[in-house]
Amino acid sequence: MTLADEDLDRAHALVVLVEDRTGRYRRRLYLSLRSAERAVARANARGADARAILCRITPVEDGEAQ
């Protein structure tokens, strides 16, 4: 396993879901827990429903994304 492969094994992000005024959810991607927590706290302070979800980032091979 190469160093790049090891980095991909640890590739995680946080998706923050924030409900807007129309009741739809907007998604934002954060790479640090601190930033995601602050985004959720700001949304909650505005009275919006918000949550952070931990996700794994997986590379897509050429041709798979079509």
C-alpha atoms as a PDB file:
ATOM      1  CA  MET A   1       0.000   0.000   0.000  1.00  0.00           C
ATOM      2  CA  THR A   2       1.401   3.395  -1.002  1.00  0.00           C
ATOM      3  CA  LEU A   3       1.219   6.591   1.007  1.00  0.00           C
ATOM      4  CA  ALA A   4      -1.513   7.865  -1.332  1.00  0.00           C
ATOM      5  CA  ASP A   5      -3.564   4.716  -0.678  1.00  0.00           C
ATOM      6  CA  GLU A   6      -3.194   5.226   3.067  1.00  0.00           C
ATOM      7  CA  ASP A   7      -4.411   8.828   2.714  1.00  0.00           C
ATOM      8  CA  LEU A   8      -7.483   7.631   0.829  1.00  0.00           C
ATOM      9  CA  ASP A   9      -8.242   5.149   3.601  1.00  0.00           C
ATOM     10  CA  ARG A  10      -8.472   8.114   5.973  1.00  0.00           C
ATOM     11  CA  ALA A  11     -10.337  10.452   3.621  1.00  0.00           C
ATOM     12  CA  HIS A  12     -13.355  11.635   5.587  1.00  0.00           C
ATOM     13  CA  ALA A  13     -15.467  14.755   5.482  1.00  0.00           C
ATOM     14  CA  LEU A  14     -18.487  16.102   7.287  1.00  0.00           C
ATOM     15  CA  VAL A  15     -21.630  17.016   5.431  1.00  0.00           C
ATOM     16  CA  VAL A  16     -23.649  19.666   7.248  1.00  0.00           C
ATOM     17  CA  LEU A  17     -27.358  19.645   6.449  1.00  0.00           C
ATOM     18  CA  VAL A  18     -29.159  22.917   7.158  1.00  0.00           C
ATOM     19  CA  GLU A  19     -32.888  23.408   6.681  1.00  0.00           C
ATOM     20  CA  ASP A  20     -33.698  26.620   4.803  1.00  0.00           C
ATOM     21  CA  ARG A  21     -36.827  28.785   5.105  1.00  0.00           C
ATOM     22  CA  THR A  22     -38.723  26.702   2.556  1.00  0.00           C
ATOM     23  CA  GLY A  23     -38.141  23.461   4.472  1.00  0.00           C
ATOM     24  CA  ARG A  24     -35.540  22.127   2.050  1.00  0.00           C
ATOM     25  CA  TYR A  25     -32.133  20.995   3.252  1.00  0.00           C
ATOM     26  CA  ARG A  26     -28.906  22.502   1.931  1.00  0.00           C
ATOM     27  CA  ARG A  27     -25.680  20.496   2.047  1.00  0.00           C
ATOM     28  CA  ARG A  28     -22.228  21.867   2.778  1.00  0.00           C
ATOM     29  CA  LEU A  29     -19.021  19.836   2.876  1.00  0.00           C
ATOM     30  CA  TYR A  30     -16.452  20.471   5.631  1.00  0.00           C
ATOM     31  CA  LEU A  31     -13.070  18.821   6.051  1.00  0.00           C
ATOM     32  CA  SER A  32     -12.648  19.624   9.746  1.00  0.00           C
ATOM     33  CA  LEU A  33     -14.858  18.794  12.688  1.00  0.00           C
ATOM     34  CA  ARG A  34     -14.374  22.248  14.190  1.00  0.00           C
ATOM     35  CA  SER A  35     -15.665  24.019  11.071  1.00  0.00           C
ATOM     36  CA  ALA A  36     -18.640  21.686  10.793  1.00  0.00           C
ATOM     37  CA  GLU A  37     -19.545  22.164  14.468  1.00  0.00           C
ATOM     38  CA  ARG A  38     -19.413  25.955  14.073  1.00  0.00           C
ATOM     39  CA  ALA A  39     -21.651  25.792  10.986  1.00  0.00           C
ATOM     40  CA  VAL A  40     -24.222  23.708  12.896  1.00  0.00           C
ATOM     41  CA  ALA A  41     -24.053  26.092  15.871  1.00  0.00           C
ATOM     42  CA  ARG A  42     -24.586  29.151  13.614  1.00  0.00           C
ATOM     43  CA  ALA A  43     -27.578  27.512  11.929  1.00  0.00           C
ATOM     44  CA  ASN A  44     -29.062  26.500  15.283  1.00  0.00           C
ATOM     45  CA  ALA A  45     -28.579  30.075  16.566  1.00  0.00           C
ATOM     46  CA  ARG A  46     -30.663  31.260  13.594  1.00  0.00           C
ATOM     47  CA  GLY A  47     -33.352  28.763  14.593  1.00  0.00           C
ATOM     48  CA  ALA A  48     -32.675  26.388  11.703  1.00  0.00           C
ATOM     49  CA  ASP A  49     -32.519  22.616  12.030  1.00  0.00           C
ATOM     50  CA  ALA A  50     -28.958  21.478  11.291  1.00  0.00           C
ATOM     51  CA  ARG A  51     -26.828  18.387  11.729  1.00  0.00           C
ATOM     52  CA  ALA A  52     -23.406  17.087  10.723  1.00  0.00           C
ATOM     53  CA  ILE A  53     -22.941  13.669   9.143  1.00  0.00           C
ATOM     54  CA  LEU A  54     -19.551  11.955   8.881  1.00  0.00           C
ATOM     55  CA  CYS A  55     -18.870  10.649   5.352  1.00  0.00           C
ATOM     56  CA  ARG A  56     -16.054   8.747   3.692  1.00  0.00           C
ATOM     57  CA  ILE A  57     -14.595  10.181   0.499  1.00  0.00           C
ATOM     58  CA  THR A  58     -13.893   7.539  -2.135  1.00  0.00           C
ATOM     59  CA  PRO A  59     -12.107   8.246  -5.417  1.00  0.00           C
ATOM     60  CA  VAL A  60     -13.927   7.453  -8.635  1.00  0.00           C
ATOM     61  CA  GLU A  61     -12.034   5.706 -11.430  1.00  0.00           C
ATOM     62  CA  ASP A  62     -12.115   7.179 -14.935  1.00  0.00           C
ATOM     63  CA  GLY A  63     -15.426   6.391 -16.606  1.00  0.00           C
ATOM     64  CA  GLU A  64     -17.284   5.503 -13.379  1.00  0.00           C
ATOM     65  CA  ALA A  65     -18.771   8.951 -12.877  1.00  0.00           C
ATOM     66  CA  GLN A  66     -20.636   9.032 -16.165  1.00  0.00           C
END
